[in-house]
C-alpha atoms as a PDB file:
ATOM      1  CA  MET A   1      77.509  15.698  52.767  1.00  0.00           C
ATOM      2  CA  ASN A   2      80.973  14.164  52.351  1.00  0.00           C
ATOM      3  CA  LEU A   3      83.208  14.834  55.335  1.00  0.00           C
ATOM      4  CA  SER A   4      86.284  15.155  53.118  1.00  0.00           C
ATOM      5  CA  LYS A   5      86.575  18.144  50.798  1.00  0.00           C
ATOM      6  CA  PRO A   6      86.842  17.355  47.073  1.00  0.00           C
ATOM      7  CA  GLU A   7      90.302  17.896  45.638  1.00  0.00           C
ATOM      8  CA  ILE A   8      90.367  21.023  43.482  1.00  0.00           C
ATOM      9  CA  PRO A   9      92.190  20.540  40.161  1.00  0.00           C
ATOM     10  CA  ASP A  10      95.391  22.449  39.472  1.00  0.00           C
ATOM     11  CA  PHE A  11      94.107  24.771  36.757  1.00  0.00           C
ATOM     12  CA  SER A  12      97.639  25.934  35.935  1.00  0.00           C
ATOM     13  CA  ARG A  13      98.900  22.529  34.766  1.00  0.00           C
ATOM     14  CA  GLY A  14      97.955  19.736  32.404  1.00  0.00           C
ATOM     15  CA  ILE A  15      95.250  19.593  29.788  1.00  0.00           C
ATOM     16  CA  PRO A  16      92.091  21.699  30.241  1.00  0.00           C
ATOM     17  CA  LYS A  17      89.789  20.452  32.978  1.00  0.00           C
ATOM     18  CA  ILE A  18      86.344  19.230  31.907  1.00  0.00           C
ATOM     19  CA  CYS A  19      83.396  20.834  33.666  1.00  0.00           C
ATOM     20  CA  ILE A  20      80.035  19.074  33.273  1.00  0.00           C
ATOM     21  CA  PRO A  21      76.989  21.369  33.582  1.00  0.00           C
ATOM     22  CA  ILE A  22      73.990  20.461  35.744  1.00  0.00           C
ATOM     23  CA  THR A  23      70.731  22.139  34.717  1.00  0.00           C
ATOM     24  CA  ALA A  24      68.336  20.305  37.046  1.00  0.00           C
ATOM     25  CA  LYS A  25      65.087  21.999  38.026  1.00  0.00           C
ATOM     26  CA  ASP A  26      64.557  19.963  41.216  1.00  0.00           C
ATOM     27  CA  ILE A  27      66.209  17.459  43.582  1.00  0.00           C
ATOM     28  CA  ALA A  28      65.162  14.443  41.520  1.00  0.00           C
ATOM     29  CA  GLY A  29      66.659  15.942  38.382  1.00  0.00           C
ATOM     30  CA  LEU A  30      69.815  16.860  40.274  1.00  0.00           C
ATOM     31  CA  SER A  31      70.329  13.263  41.406  1.00  0.00           C
ATOM     32  CA  LEU A  32      69.690  11.899  37.908  1.00  0.00           C
ATOM     33  CA  GLN A  33      72.083  14.340  36.233  1.00  0.00           C
ATOM     34  CA  ILE A  34      74.857  13.583  38.727  1.00  0.00           C
ATOM     35  CA  LEU A  35      74.280   9.844  38.232  1.00  0.00           C
ATOM     36  CA  ALA A  36      74.657  10.307  34.473  1.00  0.00           C
ATOM     37  CA  GLY A  37      77.666  12.588  34.917  1.00  0.00           C
ATOM     38  CA  GLU A  38      79.540  10.140  37.144  1.00  0.00           C
ATOM     39  CA  ALA A  39      79.812   7.765  34.187  1.00  0.00           C
ATOM     40  CA  LEU A  40      81.521  10.473  32.122  1.00  0.00           C
ATOM     41  CA  PRO A  41      85.069  11.843  32.245  1.00  0.00           C
ATOM     42  CA  GLY A  42      84.950  15.094  34.170  1.00  0.00           C
ATOM     43  CA  ASP A  43      86.991  17.053  36.690  1.00  0.00           C
ATOM     44  CA  LEU A  44      84.224  19.174  38.184  1.00  0.00           C
ATOM     45  CA  TYR A  45      80.564  20.098  37.810  1.00  0.00           C
ATOM     46  CA  GLU A  46      78.867  23.440  37.270  1.00  0.00           C
ATOM     47  CA  TRP A  47      75.444  23.678  38.880  1.00  0.00           C
ATOM     48  CA  ARG A  48      73.371  26.246  37.009  1.00  0.00           C
ATOM     49  CA  LEU A  49      71.184  27.396  39.858  1.00  0.00           C
ATOM     50  CA  ASP A  50      69.172  29.703  37.602  1.00  0.00           C
ATOM     51  CA  HIS A  51      67.446  26.528  36.339  1.00  0.00           C
ATOM     52  CA  TYR A  52      66.717  25.279  39.861  1.00  0.00           C
ATOM     53  CA  SER A  53      63.613  26.113  41.915  1.00  0.00           C
ATOM     54  CA  GLY A  54      64.135  24.023  45.071  1.00  0.00           C
ATOM     55  CA  ASP A  55      65.899  24.491  48.393  1.00  0.00           C
ATOM     56  CA  ILE A  56      69.517  25.286  47.538  1.00  0.00           C
ATOM     57  CA  GLU A  57      71.102  24.098  50.776  1.00  0.00           C
ATOM     58  CA  LEU A  58      69.242  20.794  50.548  1.00  0.00           C
ATOM     59  CA  GLY A  59      70.383  20.445  46.954  1.00  0.00           C
ATOM     60  CA  LEU A  60      73.979  21.097  47.947  1.00  0.00           C
ATOM     61  CA  ARG A  61      73.738  18.439  50.643  1.00  0.00           C
ATOM     62  CA  VAL A  62      72.394  15.954  48.107  1.00  0.00           C
ATOM     63  CA  TYR A  63      75.227  16.889  45.760  1.00  0.00           C
ATOM     64  CA  GLY A  64      77.838  16.284  48.468  1.00  0.00           C
ATOM     65  CA  LYS A  65      76.523  12.798  49.124  1.00  0.00           C
ATOM     66  CA  ALA A  66      76.348  11.877  45.435  1.00  0.00           C
ATOM     67  CA  THR A  67      79.824  12.785  44.158  1.00  0.00           C
ATOM     68  CA  GLU A  68      83.348  13.714  45.225  1.00  0.00           C
ATOM     69  CA  ARG A  69      83.941  16.070  42.317  1.00  0.00           C
ATOM     70  CA  PRO A  70      84.379  19.804  43.058  1.00  0.00           C
ATOM     71  CA  LEU A  71      81.439  22.079  42.318  1.00  0.00           C
ATOM     72  CA  LEU A  72      81.182  25.457  40.602  1.00  0.00           C
ATOM     73  CA  CYS A  73      77.945  27.235  41.549  1.00  0.00           C
ATOM     74  CA  THR A  74      76.517  29.615  38.965  1.00  0.00           C
ATOM     75  CA  LEU A  75      73.469  31.881  39.023  1.00  0.00           C
ATOM     76  CA  ARG A  76      73.273  32.983  35.390  1.00  0.00           C
ATOM     77  CA  THR A  77      71.113  36.016  34.536  1.00  0.00           C
ATOM     78  CA  LYS A  78      69.095  36.318  31.332  1.00  0.00           C
ATOM     79  CA  GLY A  79      71.366  38.923  29.804  1.00  0.00           C
ATOM     80  CA  GLN A  80      74.237  36.476  30.186  1.00  0.00           C
ATOM     81  CA  GLY A  81      72.383  33.489  28.755  1.00  0.00           C
ATOM     82  CA  GLY A  82      70.618  32.351  31.925  1.00  0.00           C
ATOM     83  CA  GLU A  83      67.072  31.803  33.098  1.00  0.00           C
ATOM     84  CA  ILE A  84      66.604  34.477  35.742  1.00  0.00           C
ATOM     85  CA  GLU A  85      66.007  38.233  35.444  1.00  0.00           C
ATOM     86  CA  LEU A  86      67.845  40.238  38.112  1.00  0.00           C
ATOM     87  CA  ASP A  87      69.226  43.758  38.263  1.00  0.00           C
ATOM     88  CA  PRO A  88      72.871  44.090  39.401  1.00  0.00           C
ATOM     89  CA  ASP A  89      72.083  44.721  43.067  1.00  0.00           C
ATOM     90  CA  GLU A  90      69.499  41.925  43.260  1.00  0.00           C
ATOM     91  CA  TYR A  91      71.987  39.610  41.588  1.00  0.00           C
ATOM     92  CA  ALA A  92      74.730  40.578  44.054  1.00  0.00           C
ATOM     93  CA  LYS A  93      72.369  39.909  46.984  1.00  0.00           C
ATOM     94  CA  ARG A  94      71.517  36.439  45.669  1.00  0.00           C
ATOM     95  CA  VAL A  95      75.143  35.526  45.039  1.00  0.00           C
ATOM     96  CA  ARG A  96      76.127  36.851  48.480  1.00  0.00           C
ATOM     97  CA  GLU A  97      73.539  34.519  50.030  1.00  0.00           C
ATOM     98  CA  LEU A  98      74.922  31.656  47.959  1.00  0.00           C
ATOM     99  CA  ILE A  99      78.483  32.380  49.121  1.00  0.00           C
ATOM    100  CA  GLU A 100      77.276  32.008  52.717  1.00  0.00           C
ATOM    101  CA  LEU A 101      76.735  28.326  51.855  1.00  0.00           C
ATOM    102  CA  GLY A 102      80.339  28.095  50.658  1.00  0.00           C
ATOM    103  CA  GLU A 103      81.196  25.129  52.885  1.00  0.00           C
ATOM    104  CA  TYR A 104      79.227  22.963  50.433  1.00  0.00           C
ATOM    105  CA  PHE A 105      81.084  23.891  47.208  1.00  0.00           C
ATOM    106  CA  GLN A 106      84.463  25.077  45.951  1.00  0.00           C
ATOM    107  CA  LEU A 107      84.033  27.617  43.122  1.00  0.00           C
ATOM    108  CA  ILE A 108      81.605  30.497  42.527  1.00  0.00           C
ATOM    109  CA  ASP A 109      80.744  32.288  39.268  1.00  0.00           C
ATOM    110  CA  ILE A 110      80.422  36.081  39.491  1.00  0.00           C
ATOM    111  CA  GLU A 111      79.131  38.023  36.496  1.00  0.00           C
ATOM    112  CA  LEU A 112      81.198  41.045  35.478  1.00  0.00           C
ATOM    113  CA  CYS A 113      78.035  42.926  34.471  1.00  0.00           C
ATOM    114  CA  ALA A 114      77.069  43.157  38.162  1.00  0.00           C
ATOM    115  CA  GLY A 115      79.388  46.196  38.266  1.00  0.00           C
ATOM    116  CA  ASP A 116      82.910  46.632  39.594  1.00  0.00           C
ATOM    117  CA  SER A 117      81.948  47.467  43.179  1.00  0.00           C
ATOM    118  CA  ASN A 118      79.618  44.477  43.467  1.00  0.00           C
ATOM    119  CA  VAL A 119      82.127  42.171  41.811  1.00  0.00           C
ATOM    120  CA  LYS A 120      84.970  43.226  44.133  1.00  0.00           C
ATOM    121  CA  GLU A 121      82.754  42.782  47.188  1.00  0.00           C
ATOM    122  CA  LEU A 122      81.590  39.330  46.045  1.00  0.00           C
ATOM    123  CA  ILE A 123      85.140  38.197  45.267  1.00  0.00           C
ATOM    124  CA  GLU A 124      86.280  39.275  48.726  1.00  0.00           C
ATOM    125  CA  ALA A 125      83.365  37.414  50.321  1.00  0.00           C
ATOM    126  CA  ALA A 126      84.154  34.334  48.236  1.00  0.00           C
ATOM    127  CA  HIS A 127      87.818  34.399  49.224  1.00  0.00           C
ATOM    128  CA  ASN A 128      86.857  34.757  52.882  1.00  0.00           C
ATOM    129  CA  LYS A 129      84.938  31.502  52.484  1.00  0.00           C
ATOM    130  CA  GLY A 130      87.890  29.833  50.759  1.00  0.00           C
ATOM    131  CA  LEU A 131      86.156  29.766  47.357  1.00  0.00           C
ATOM    132  CA  ILE A 132      87.737  30.145  43.926  1.00  0.00           C
ATOM    133  CA  ALA A 133      86.180  33.136  42.139  1.00  0.00           C
ATOM    134  CA  VAL A 134      85.349  32.747  38.452  1.00  0.00           C
ATOM    135  CA  VAL A 135      84.446  36.158  37.003  1.00  0.00           C
ATOM    136  CA  SER A 136      82.523  35.785  33.749  1.00  0.00           C
ATOM    137  CA  GLN A 137      81.357  37.774  30.751  1.00  0.00           C
ATOM    138  CA  HIS A 138      79.300  36.406  27.820  1.00  0.00           C
ATOM    139  CA  SER A 139      78.592  38.038  24.468  1.00  0.00           C
ATOM    140  CA  PHE A 140      75.926  36.228  22.438  1.00  0.00           C
ATOM    141  CA  THR A 141      75.926  38.695  19.547  1.00  0.00           C
ATOM    142  CA  ASP A 142      79.514  39.063  18.377  1.00  0.00           C
ATOM    143  CA  THR A 143      83.242  38.707  19.045  1.00  0.00           C
ATOM    144  CA  PRO A 144      84.898  41.924  20.260  1.00  0.00           C
ATOM    145  CA  PRO A 145      88.308  42.949  18.866  1.00  0.00           C
ATOM    146  CA  ARG A 146      91.225  40.936  20.229  1.00  0.00           C
ATOM    147  CA  ASP A 147      92.709  43.803  22.264  1.00  0.00           C
ATOM    148  CA  GLU A 148      89.330  44.480  23.880  1.00  0.00           C
ATOM    149  CA  MET A 149      88.964  40.823  24.896  1.00  0.00           C
ATOM    150  CA  ILE A 150      92.417  40.899  26.481  1.00  0.00           C
ATOM    151  CA  ARG A 151      91.497  44.089  28.348  1.00  0.00           C
ATOM    152  CA  VAL A 152      88.303  42.502  29.684  1.00  0.00           C
ATOM    153  CA  LEU A 153      90.171  39.451  30.975  1.00  0.00           C
ATOM    154  CA  ALA A 154      92.843  41.671  32.538  1.00  0.00           C
ATOM    155  CA  HIS A 155      90.174  43.823  34.190  1.00  0.00           C
ATOM    156  CA  MET A 156      88.608  40.718  35.745  1.00  0.00           C
ATOM    157  CA  LYS A 157      92.010  39.774  37.117  1.00  0.00           C
ATOM    158  CA  ASP A 158      92.529  43.283  38.493  1.00  0.00           C
ATOM    159  CA  LEU A 159      89.219  42.987  40.344  1.00  0.00           C
ATOM    160  CA  GLY A 160      90.527  39.844  42.043  1.00  0.00           C
ATOM    161  CA  ALA A 161      89.290  37.004  39.824  1.00  0.00           C
ATOM    162  CA  ASP A 162      91.090  33.695  40.237  1.00  0.00           C
ATOM    163  CA  LEU A 163      89.800  32.501  36.868  1.00  0.00           C
ATOM    164  CA  PRO A 164      88.666  35.186  34.392  1.00  0.00           C
ATOM    165  CA  LYS A 165      86.087  33.722  31.982  1.00  0.00           C
ATOM    166  CA  LEU A 166      85.099  35.106  28.580  1.00  0.00           C
ATOM    167  CA  ALA A 167      82.646  33.547  26.108  1.00  0.00           C
ATOM    168  CA  VAL A 168      81.867  35.170  22.761  1.00  0.00           C
ATOM    169  CA  MET A 169      79.823  34.424  19.642  1.00  0.00           C
ATOM    170  CA  PRO A 170      81.701  34.157  16.324  1.00  0.00           C
ATOM    171  CA  LYS A 171      80.313  35.163  12.962  1.00  0.00           C
ATOM    172  CA  THR A 172      83.262  33.784  10.967  1.00  0.00           C
ATOM    173  CA  PRO A 173      86.171  31.406  11.615  1.00  0.00           C
ATOM    174  CA  LEU A 174      88.409  34.475  11.913  1.00  0.00           C
ATOM    175  CA  ASP A 175      86.460  35.437  15.029  1.00  0.00           C
ATOM    176  CA  VAL A 176      87.320  32.043  16.541  1.00  0.00           C
ATOM    177  CA  PHE A 177      91.020  32.566  15.839  1.00  0.00           C
ATOM    178  CA  SER A 178      90.806  36.059  17.331  1.00  0.00           C
ATOM    179  CA  LEU A 179      89.349  34.664  20.574  1.00  0.00           C
ATOM    180  CA  MET A 180      92.008  31.961  20.705  1.00  0.00           C
ATOM    181  CA  ALA A 181      94.794  34.504  20.153  1.00  0.00           C
ATOM    182  CA  ALA A 182      93.377  36.764  22.878  1.00  0.00           C
ATOM    183  CA  SER A 183      93.162  33.777  25.219  1.00  0.00           C
ATOM    184  CA  PHE A 184      96.794  32.848  24.637  1.00  0.00           C
ATOM    185  CA  GLU A 185      98.078  36.399  25.121  1.00  0.00           C
ATOM    186  CA  ALA A 186      96.012  36.904  28.271  1.00  0.00           C
ATOM    187  CA  SER A 187      97.061  33.584  29.795  1.00  0.00           C
ATOM    188  CA  VAL A 188     100.743  34.404  29.328  1.00  0.00           C
ATOM    189  CA  SER A 189     100.446  37.530  31.472  1.00  0.00           C
ATOM    190  CA  LEU A 190      97.525  36.656  33.760  1.00  0.00           C
ATOM    191  CA  GLY A 191      97.815  32.927  34.325  1.00  0.00           C
ATOM    192  CA  PRO A 192      94.946  30.487  33.704  1.00  0.00           C
ATOM    193  CA  VAL A 193      91.830  31.868  32.037  1.00  0.00           C
ATOM    194  CA  ILE A 194      88.634  30.296  30.738  1.00  0.00           C
ATOM    195  CA  THR A 195      87.680  31.232  27.194  1.00  0.00           C
ATOM    196  CA  MET A 196      85.439  29.904  24.473  1.00  0.00           C
ATOM    197  CA  SER A 197      83.956  30.806  21.146  1.00  0.00           C
ATOM    198  CA  MET A 198      80.358  29.586  21.158  1.00  0.00           C
ATOM    199  CA  GLY A 199      78.200  27.927  18.514  1.00  0.00           C
ATOM    200  CA  PRO A 200      79.136  25.228  15.978  1.00  0.00           C
ATOM    201  CA  ILE A 201      82.033  27.115  14.361  1.00  0.00           C
ATOM    202  CA  GLY A 202      83.480  27.926  17.760  1.00  0.00           C
ATOM    203  CA  GLN A 203      83.932  24.311  18.823  1.00  0.00           C
ATOM    204  CA  LEU A 204      87.635  24.411  17.938  1.00  0.00           C
ATOM    205  CA  SER A 205      88.201  26.855  20.818  1.00  0.00           C
ATOM    206  CA  ARG A 206      86.629  24.378  23.266  1.00  0.00           C
ATOM    207  CA  VAL A 207      89.278  21.739  22.567  1.00  0.00           C
ATOM    208  CA  ALA A 208      92.320  23.983  22.078  1.00  0.00           C
ATOM    209  CA  GLY A 209      92.961  25.040  25.662  1.00  0.00           C
ATOM    210  CA  SER A 210      96.313  23.259  25.831  1.00  0.00           C
ATOM    211  CA  VAL A 211      97.501  25.807  23.262  1.00  0.00           C
ATOM    212  CA  THR A 212      95.381  28.850  24.138  1.00  0.00           C
ATOM    213  CA  GLY A 213      95.780  28.717  27.916  1.00  0.00           C
ATOM    214  CA  SER A 214      92.078  28.146  28.548  1.00  0.00           C
ATOM    215  CA  ALA A 215      92.111  26.029  31.705  1.00  0.00           C
ATOM    216  CA  VAL A 216      88.516  24.779  31.748  1.00  0.00           C
ATOM    217  CA  THR A 217      86.186  23.566  29.012  1.00  0.00           C
ATOM    218  CA  PHE A 218      82.541  22.653  29.400  1.00  0.00           C
ATOM    219  CA  GLY A 219      81.399  19.208  28.254  1.00  0.00           C
ATOM    220  CA  ALA A 220      77.721  18.304  28.180  1.00  0.00           C
ATOM    221  CA  GLY A 221      76.413  15.504  30.336  1.00  0.00           C
ATOM    222  CA  ALA A 222      72.630  15.069  30.458  1.00  0.00           C
ATOM    223  CA  GLU A 223      72.229  18.269  28.435  1.00  0.00           C
ATOM    224  CA  ALA A 224      74.260  21.220  27.213  1.00  0.00           C
ATOM    225  CA  SER A 225      74.120  24.580  28.980  1.00  0.00           C
ATOM    226  CA  ALA A 226      75.434  26.734  26.105  1.00  0.00           C
ATOM    227  CA  PRO A 227      75.510  26.618  22.290  1.00  0.00           C
ATOM    228  CA  GLY A 228      78.316  24.546  20.785  1.00  0.00           C
ATOM    229  CA  GLN A 229      79.109  22.368  23.809  1.00  0.00           C
ATOM    230  CA  LEU A 230      80.521  18.979  22.922  1.00  0.00           C
ATOM    231  CA  GLY A 231      79.681  15.877  24.920  1.00  0.00           C
ATOM    232  CA  ALA A 232      82.052  15.263  27.827  1.00  0.00           C
ATOM    233  CA  ALA A 233      83.187  11.845  26.524  1.00  0.00           C
ATOM    234  CA  GLU A 234      84.135  13.018  23.029  1.00  0.00           C
ATOM    235  CA  LEU A 235      85.656  16.158  24.492  1.00  0.00           C
ATOM    236  CA  LYS A 236      87.959  14.075  26.688  1.00  0.00           C
ATOM    237  CA  GLN A 237      89.178  12.045  23.708  1.00  0.00           C
ATOM    238  CA  ILE A 238      90.028  15.157  21.697  1.00  0.00           C
ATOM    239  CA  LEU A 239      91.711  16.908  24.630  1.00  0.00           C
ATOM    240  CA  ASP A 240      93.900  13.869  25.291  1.00  0.00           C
ATOM    241  CA  ILE A 241      94.970  13.643  21.657  1.00  0.00           C
ATOM    242  CA  LEU A 242      95.715  17.354  21.246  1.00  0.00           C
ATOM    243  CA  GLY A 243      97.296  17.768  24.668  1.00  0.00           C
ATOM    244  CA  ARG A 244      99.548  14.705  24.636  1.00  0.00           C
ATOM    245  CA  GLY A 245     102.161  16.012  22.237  1.00  0.00           C
ATOM    246  CA  LEU A 246     102.203  19.530  23.640  1.00  0.00           C
ATOM    247  CA  LEU A 247     102.650  18.364  27.216  1.00  0.00           C
ATOM    248  CA  LYS A 248     105.490  16.039  26.164  1.00  0.00           C
ATOM    249  CA  GLU A 249     107.172  18.942  24.392  1.00  0.00           C
ATOM    250  CA  ARG A 250     106.896  21.116  27.515  1.00  0.00           C
ATOM    251  CA  ALA A 251     108.280  18.324  29.683  1.00  0.00           C
ATOM    252  CA  ASP A 252     111.242  17.910  27.336  1.00  0.00           C
ATOM    253  CA  ASP A 253     111.912  21.650  27.503  1.00  0.00           C
ATOM    254  CA  GLU A 254     111.968  21.517  31.305  1.00  0.00           C
END
């Protein structure tokens, strides 16, 4: 493990940060995916531990020796698009155990569907370990009304989330615009959020964070972890182009 802690990006400034997902099933796959990811533009990794079947602490040690990028640890349940079936209390127990290893990583994903009491307890435990808490909610069937999406993001913030995260599935381009509008309105009052409209027609939302206030976007490395993810390299090019003018305009205003 690296002796120095990775520098955590400032999610409140600059263009959206690129998070590269790791979906390795074992230590060998973990090493290979990090090796591939290091050649790509990225600000942090997300390790999807629901794909992994090995010793987690050993894997985290391997990670720390292989890269200096910050790490978001995620245990994604099936109902939220993951690979593991857990009821809310079982999920909370597993995430609590993961938080105990918090010296090896910097951010933790906590699913909103675990229930308010579990979520609040897990956020408090994460903060006690010095971790950034990402509270997430995924809808793979539809896009809720704009006001409802804003309420969900605000509720996450009220529970203590550092970065509220909302991913939805669009049926029409209007759904994508609705998500982007909700993201902008929420970010104005709540600070940085993470939002995305999934699938092919939702890709616009993944590159528009400089406008919508979405602070993190996920760019595929070895493989994608959700529908509609762009590759990290092409994502970086688009973010730079779209963000350049907006950031210059903000600097001029200041």
